[in-house]
């Protein structure tokens, strides 16, 4: 919308507002209508494009203030079967929405609490210490989770092969044991 306004050099607030209304559907229109006010001289005052954007973000619950983001980050928790990389992606997206000052509210300790259910990754980050950066904590947890998953796959394959070998040997032993002994 902003590009359209700039391209066509539209400055009339009413025209901008009406075009924004054409772009939204449903109850969002009521949200926009609520932004229109009157000044002391009883003239209609239309909202700015930024006010419209903020109102729509809030209406659709897409806007999160920094305190909400910090609370969400501090309360996030991965499930025991969760994927660390996917979890970190979501964690980083929220973290990157914070400005530099607000990022100081999130520590490696907060991240450790959120990955507690992934024991090996948690241990690895914990052993790395609290003095590491959050980025280093992410990469450490991902590496350990990847190694753990790879070891788990090898163990499963090893157990399957072991089970096959036990059945094979058991079958061969039966054949061998049933042969008559000749001297």
C-alpha atoms as a PDB file:
ATOM      1  CA  UNK A   1       0.000   0.000   0.000  1.00  0.00           C
ATOM      2  CA  UNK A   2       2.829   2.358   0.889  1.00  0.00           C
ATOM      3  CA  UNK A   3       4.453   1.780  -2.507  1.00  0.00           C
ATOM      4  CA  UNK A   4       1.142   2.573  -4.206  1.00  0.00           C
ATOM      5  CA  UNK A   5       0.799   5.814  -2.225  1.00  0.00           C
ATOM      6  CA  UNK A   6       4.348   6.848  -3.102  1.00  0.00           C
ATOM      7  CA  UNK A   7       4.083   5.817  -6.752  1.00  0.00           C
ATOM      8  CA  UNK A   8       0.893   7.764  -7.377  1.00  0.00           C
ATOM      9  CA  UNK A   9       1.790  10.546  -4.919  1.00  0.00           C
ATOM     10  CA  UNK A  10      -1.472  10.186  -3.040  1.00  0.00           C
ATOM     11  CA  UNK A  11      -1.709  12.539  -0.088  1.00  0.00           C
ATOM     12  CA  UNK A  12      -5.448  12.627   0.566  1.00  0.00           C
ATOM     13  CA  UNK A  13      -5.970  10.793   3.875  1.00  0.00           C
ATOM     14  CA  UNK A  14      -9.576   9.921   3.024  1.00  0.00           C
ATOM     15  CA  UNK A  15      -8.518   8.267  -0.248  1.00  0.00           C
ATOM     16  CA  UNK A  16      -5.748   6.329   1.507  1.00  0.00           C
ATOM     17  CA  UNK A  17      -8.169   5.220   4.221  1.00  0.00           C
ATOM     18  CA  UNK A  18     -10.864   4.126   1.742  1.00  0.00           C
ATOM     19  CA  UNK A  19      -8.357   2.156  -0.319  1.00  0.00           C
ATOM     20  CA  UNK A  20      -7.173   0.408   2.826  1.00  0.00           C
ATOM     21  CA  UNK A  21     -10.785  -0.510   3.600  1.00  0.00           C
ATOM     22  CA  UNK A  22     -11.129  -2.039   0.123  1.00  0.00           C
ATOM     23  CA  UNK A  23      -8.151  -4.285   0.857  1.00  0.00           C
ATOM     24  CA  UNK A  24      -9.505  -5.770   4.112  1.00  0.00           C
ATOM     25  CA  UNK A  25     -12.409  -8.142   4.649  1.00  0.00           C
ATOM     26  CA  UNK A  26     -14.813  -9.092   7.404  1.00  0.00           C
ATOM     27  CA  UNK A  27     -14.639  -7.576  10.854  1.00  0.00           C
ATOM     28  CA  UNK A  28     -11.380  -5.829  10.012  1.00  0.00           C
ATOM     29  CA  UNK A  29     -13.452  -3.087   8.362  1.00  0.00           C
ATOM     30  CA  UNK A  30     -15.083  -2.306  11.724  1.00  0.00           C
ATOM     31  CA  UNK A  31     -11.614  -2.086  13.237  1.00  0.00           C
ATOM     32  CA  UNK A  32     -10.630   0.515  10.640  1.00  0.00           C
ATOM     33  CA  UNK A  33     -13.876   2.474  10.987  1.00  0.00           C
ATOM     34  CA  UNK A  34     -13.193   2.817  14.713  1.00  0.00           C
ATOM     35  CA  UNK A  35      -9.994   4.723  13.872  1.00  0.00           C
ATOM     36  CA  UNK A  36     -11.874   7.583  12.205  1.00  0.00           C
ATOM     37  CA  UNK A  37     -12.400  10.466  14.643  1.00  0.00           C
ATOM     38  CA  UNK A  38     -13.483  14.083  14.650  1.00  0.00           C
ATOM     39  CA  UNK A  39     -11.388  17.049  15.707  1.00  0.00           C
ATOM     40  CA  UNK A  40     -12.504  20.042  17.810  1.00  0.00           C
ATOM     41  CA  UNK A  41     -13.980  21.724  14.726  1.00  0.00           C
ATOM     42  CA  UNK A  42     -16.067  18.622  13.964  1.00  0.00           C
ATOM     43  CA  UNK A  43     -13.889  17.735  10.939  1.00  0.00           C
ATOM     44  CA  UNK A  44     -13.335  14.064  10.152  1.00  0.00           C
ATOM     45  CA  UNK A  45      -9.786  12.918  10.921  1.00  0.00           C
ATOM     46  CA  UNK A  46      -8.563   9.797   9.133  1.00  0.00           C
ATOM     47  CA  UNK A  47      -5.808   7.602  10.569  1.00  0.00           C
ATOM     48  CA  UNK A  48      -2.321   7.449   9.095  1.00  0.00           C
ATOM     49  CA  UNK A  49      -1.171   4.382   7.204  1.00  0.00           C
ATOM     50  CA  UNK A  50       0.978   3.384  10.197  1.00  0.00           C
ATOM     51  CA  UNK A  51      -2.008   3.666  12.554  1.00  0.00           C
ATOM     52  CA  UNK A  52      -4.048   1.490  10.190  1.00  0.00           C
ATOM     53  CA  UNK A  53      -1.256  -1.105  10.036  1.00  0.00           C
ATOM     54  CA  UNK A  54      -0.857  -1.198  13.821  1.00  0.00           C
ATOM     55  CA  UNK A  55      -4.615  -1.471  14.380  1.00  0.00           C
ATOM     56  CA  UNK A  56      -4.899  -4.395  11.950  1.00  0.00           C
ATOM     57  CA  UNK A  57      -1.919  -6.173  13.481  1.00  0.00           C
ATOM     58  CA  UNK A  58      -3.407  -5.799  16.933  1.00  0.00           C
ATOM     59  CA  UNK A  59      -6.911  -6.756  15.758  1.00  0.00           C
ATOM     60  CA  UNK A  60      -5.657  -9.968  14.196  1.00  0.00           C
ATOM     61  CA  UNK A  61      -3.460 -10.609  17.223  1.00  0.00           C
ATOM     62  CA  UNK A  62      -0.328 -10.437  15.093  1.00  0.00           C
ATOM     63  CA  UNK A  63       1.256  -7.611  17.013  1.00  0.00           C
ATOM     64  CA  UNK A  64       3.251  -8.557  20.060  1.00  0.00           C
ATOM     65  CA  UNK A  65       4.837  -5.979  22.271  1.00  0.00           C
ATOM     66  CA  UNK A  66       8.339  -6.710  23.622  1.00  0.00           C
ATOM     67  CA  UNK A  67       7.037  -7.864  27.017  1.00  0.00           C
ATOM     68  CA  UNK A  68       4.817 -10.451  25.301  1.00  0.00           C
ATOM     69  CA  UNK A  69       7.740 -11.720  23.245  1.00  0.00           C
ATOM     70  CA  UNK A  70       9.995 -11.941  26.298  1.00  0.00           C
ATOM     71  CA  UNK A  71       7.308 -13.829  28.246  1.00  0.00           C
ATOM     72  CA  UNK A  72       6.757 -16.212  25.352  1.00  0.00           C
ATOM     73  CA  UNK A  73      10.493 -16.881  25.008  1.00  0.00           C
ATOM     74  CA  UNK A  74      10.872 -17.501  28.739  1.00  0.00           C
ATOM     75  CA  UNK A  75       7.913 -19.921  28.716  1.00  0.00           C
ATOM     76  CA  UNK A  76       8.739 -21.852  25.555  1.00  0.00           C
ATOM     77  CA  UNK A  77       9.549 -25.521  26.011  1.00  0.00           C
ATOM     78  CA  UNK A  78      10.460 -28.218  23.540  1.00  0.00           C
ATOM     79  CA  UNK A  79       8.829 -31.629  23.799  1.00  0.00           C
ATOM     80  CA  UNK A  80      10.956 -34.716  24.321  1.00  0.00           C
ATOM     81  CA  UNK A  81      10.298 -35.736  20.704  1.00  0.00           C
ATOM     82  CA  UNK A  82      10.688 -32.198  19.361  1.00  0.00           C
ATOM     83  CA  UNK A  83      13.248 -31.204  16.773  1.00  0.00           C
ATOM     84  CA  UNK A  84      15.843 -28.783  18.169  1.00  0.00           C
ATOM     85  CA  UNK A  85      16.452 -27.116  14.788  1.00  0.00           C
ATOM     86  CA  UNK A  86      12.746 -26.368  14.316  1.00  0.00           C
ATOM     87  CA  UNK A  87      12.440 -25.204  17.910  1.00  0.00           C
ATOM     88  CA  UNK A  88      15.483 -22.946  17.540  1.00  0.00           C
ATOM     89  CA  UNK A  89      14.064 -21.494  14.334  1.00  0.00           C
ATOM     90  CA  UNK A  90      10.897 -20.411  16.157  1.00  0.00           C
ATOM     91  CA  UNK A  91      12.926 -19.220  19.172  1.00  0.00           C
ATOM     92  CA  UNK A  92      15.248 -17.138  16.953  1.00  0.00           C
ATOM     93  CA  UNK A  93      12.340 -15.600  15.021  1.00  0.00           C
ATOM     94  CA  UNK A  94      10.828 -14.311  18.243  1.00  0.00           C
ATOM     95  CA  UNK A  95      14.205 -13.281  19.650  1.00  0.00           C
ATOM     96  CA  UNK A  96      15.044 -11.296  16.505  1.00  0.00           C
ATOM     97  CA  UNK A  97      11.830  -9.278  16.873  1.00  0.00           C
ATOM     98  CA  UNK A  98      13.289  -7.720  20.018  1.00  0.00           C
ATOM     99  CA  UNK A  99      15.495  -4.657  19.939  1.00  0.00           C
ATOM    100  CA  UNK A 100      19.004  -4.785  21.397  1.00  0.00           C
ATOM    101  CA  UNK A 101      17.964  -3.601  24.869  1.00  0.00           C
ATOM    102  CA  UNK A 102      15.114  -6.107  25.172  1.00  0.00           C
ATOM    103  CA  UNK A 103      17.345  -8.968  24.004  1.00  0.00           C
ATOM    104  CA  UNK A 104      19.346  -8.557  27.200  1.00  0.00           C
ATOM    105  CA  UNK A 105      16.327  -9.908  29.079  1.00  0.00           C
ATOM    106  CA  UNK A 106      16.833 -13.312  27.446  1.00  0.00           C
ATOM    107  CA  UNK A 107      19.798 -15.334  28.662  1.00  0.00           C
ATOM    108  CA  UNK A 108      21.356 -18.710  28.018  1.00  0.00           C
ATOM    109  CA  UNK A 109      19.717 -19.799  31.293  1.00  0.00           C
ATOM    110  CA  UNK A 110      16.297 -19.025  29.786  1.00  0.00           C
ATOM    111  CA  UNK A 111      17.199 -21.071  26.727  1.00  0.00           C
ATOM    112  CA  UNK A 112      18.411 -23.928  28.930  1.00  0.00           C
ATOM    113  CA  UNK A 113      15.021 -23.997  30.664  1.00  0.00           C
ATOM    114  CA  UNK A 114      13.282 -24.196  27.305  1.00  0.00           C
ATOM    115  CA  UNK A 115      15.303 -27.225  26.104  1.00  0.00           C
ATOM    116  CA  UNK A 116      15.232 -29.104  29.415  1.00  0.00           C
ATOM    117  CA  UNK A 117      13.211 -31.967  27.882  1.00  0.00           C
ATOM    118  CA  UNK A 118      16.034 -32.705  25.435  1.00  0.00           C
ATOM    119  CA  UNK A 119      18.406 -34.007  28.108  1.00  0.00           C
ATOM    120  CA  UNK A 120      21.566 -34.510  26.048  1.00  0.00           C
ATOM    121  CA  UNK A 121      21.298 -31.134  24.318  1.00  0.00           C
ATOM    122  CA  UNK A 122      20.566 -29.517  27.680  1.00  0.00           C
ATOM    123  CA  UNK A 123      23.650 -31.166  29.223  1.00  0.00           C
ATOM    124  CA  UNK A 124      25.846 -30.043  26.333  1.00  0.00           C
ATOM    125  CA  UNK A 125      24.778 -26.411  26.588  1.00  0.00           C
ATOM    126  CA  UNK A 126      25.026 -26.558  30.384  1.00  0.00           C
ATOM    127  CA  UNK A 127      28.584 -27.899  30.169  1.00  0.00           C
ATOM    128  CA  UNK A 128      29.504 -25.130  27.724  1.00  0.00           C
ATOM    129  CA  UNK A 129      28.707 -22.688  30.516  1.00  0.00           C
ATOM    130  CA  UNK A 130      26.583 -19.607  31.036  1.00  0.00           C
ATOM    131  CA  UNK A 131      29.207 -17.325  29.531  1.00  0.00           C
ATOM    132  CA  UNK A 132      28.561 -18.548  25.994  1.00  0.00           C
ATOM    133  CA  UNK A 133      26.419 -16.557  23.602  1.00  0.00           C
ATOM    134  CA  UNK A 134      22.877 -17.529  22.764  1.00  0.00           C
ATOM    135  CA  UNK A 135      23.986 -18.246  19.186  1.00  0.00           C
ATOM    136  CA  UNK A 136      26.624 -20.683  20.497  1.00  0.00           C
ATOM    137  CA  UNK A 137      24.002 -22.303  22.736  1.00  0.00           C
ATOM    138  CA  UNK A 138      21.723 -22.817  19.697  1.00  0.00           C
ATOM    139  CA  UNK A 139      24.471 -24.419  17.617  1.00  0.00           C
ATOM    140  CA  UNK A 140      25.672 -26.592  20.518  1.00  0.00           C
ATOM    141  CA  UNK A 141      22.161 -27.911  21.183  1.00  0.00           C
ATOM    142  CA  UNK A 142      21.564 -28.584  17.478  1.00  0.00           C
ATOM    143  CA  UNK A 143      24.866 -30.434  17.104  1.00  0.00           C
ATOM    144  CA  UNK A 144      24.252 -32.618  20.149  1.00  0.00           C
ATOM    145  CA  UNK A 145      20.673 -33.359  19.076  1.00  0.00           C
ATOM    146  CA  UNK A 146      21.914 -34.305  15.608  1.00  0.00           C
ATOM    147  CA  UNK A 147      24.576 -36.615  17.057  1.00  0.00           C
ATOM    148  CA  UNK A 148      22.057 -38.149  19.460  1.00  0.00           C
ATOM    149  CA  UNK A 149      19.594 -38.781  16.623  1.00  0.00           C
ATOM    150  CA  UNK A 150      22.336 -40.325  14.484  1.00  0.00           C
ATOM    151  CA  UNK A 151      23.458 -42.576  17.350  1.00  0.00           C
ATOM    152  CA  UNK A 152      19.841 -43.556  17.965  1.00  0.00           C
ATOM    153  CA  UNK A 153      19.454 -44.599  14.325  1.00  0.00           C
ATOM    154  CA  UNK A 154      22.644 -46.657  14.486  1.00  0.00           C
ATOM    155  CA  UNK A 155      21.493 -48.351  17.689  1.00  0.00           C
ATOM    156  CA  UNK A 156      18.164 -49.260  16.096  1.00  0.00           C
ATOM    157  CA  UNK A 157      19.912 -50.645  13.004  1.00  0.00           C
ATOM    158  CA  UNK A 158      22.401 -52.491  15.200  1.00  0.00           C
ATOM    159  CA  UNK A 159      19.579 -54.015  17.250  1.00  0.00           C
ATOM    160  CA  UNK A 160      17.759 -55.080  14.085  1.00  0.00           C
ATOM    161  CA  UNK A 161      20.933 -56.716  12.742  1.00  0.00           C
ATOM    162  CA  UNK A 162      21.582 -58.353  16.103  1.00  0.00           C
ATOM    163  CA  UNK A 163      18.043 -59.712  16.178  1.00  0.00           C
ATOM    164  CA  UNK A 164      18.458 -61.078  12.642  1.00  0.00           C
ATOM    165  CA  UNK A 165      21.793 -62.677  13.547  1.00  0.00           C
ATOM    166  CA  UNK A 166      20.292 -64.301  16.655  1.00  0.00           C
ATOM    167  CA  UNK A 167      17.463 -65.810  14.594  1.00  0.00           C
ATOM    168  CA  UNK A 168      19.904 -66.939  11.894  1.00  0.00           C
ATOM    169  CA  UNK A 169      22.275 -68.512  14.435  1.00  0.00           C
ATOM    170  CA  UNK A 170      19.398 -70.122  16.290  1.00  0.00           C
ATOM    171  CA  UNK A 171      18.174 -71.676  13.034  1.00  0.00           C
ATOM    172  CA  UNK A 172      21.681 -72.936  12.163  1.00  0.00           C
ATOM    173  CA  UNK A 173      22.163 -74.343  15.667  1.00  0.00           C
ATOM    174  CA  UNK A 174      18.921 -76.329  15.342  1.00  0.00           C
ATOM    175  CA  UNK A 175      20.112 -77.794  12.047  1.00  0.00           C
ATOM    176  CA  UNK A 176      23.553 -78.560  13.468  1.00  0.00           C
ATOM    177  CA  UNK A 177      22.131 -80.067  16.671  1.00  0.00           C
ATOM    178  CA  UNK A 178      19.754 -82.348  14.754  1.00  0.00           C
ATOM    179  CA  UNK A 179      22.522 -84.021  12.724  1.00  0.00           C
ATOM    180  CA  UNK A 180      23.440 -87.501  13.839  1.00  0.00           C
ATOM    181  CA  UNK A 181      26.865 -87.816  15.313  1.00  0.00           C
ATOM    182  CA  UNK A 182      29.187 -90.116  13.380  1.00  0.00           C
ATOM    183  CA  UNK A 183      32.552 -91.363  14.570  1.00  0.00           C
END
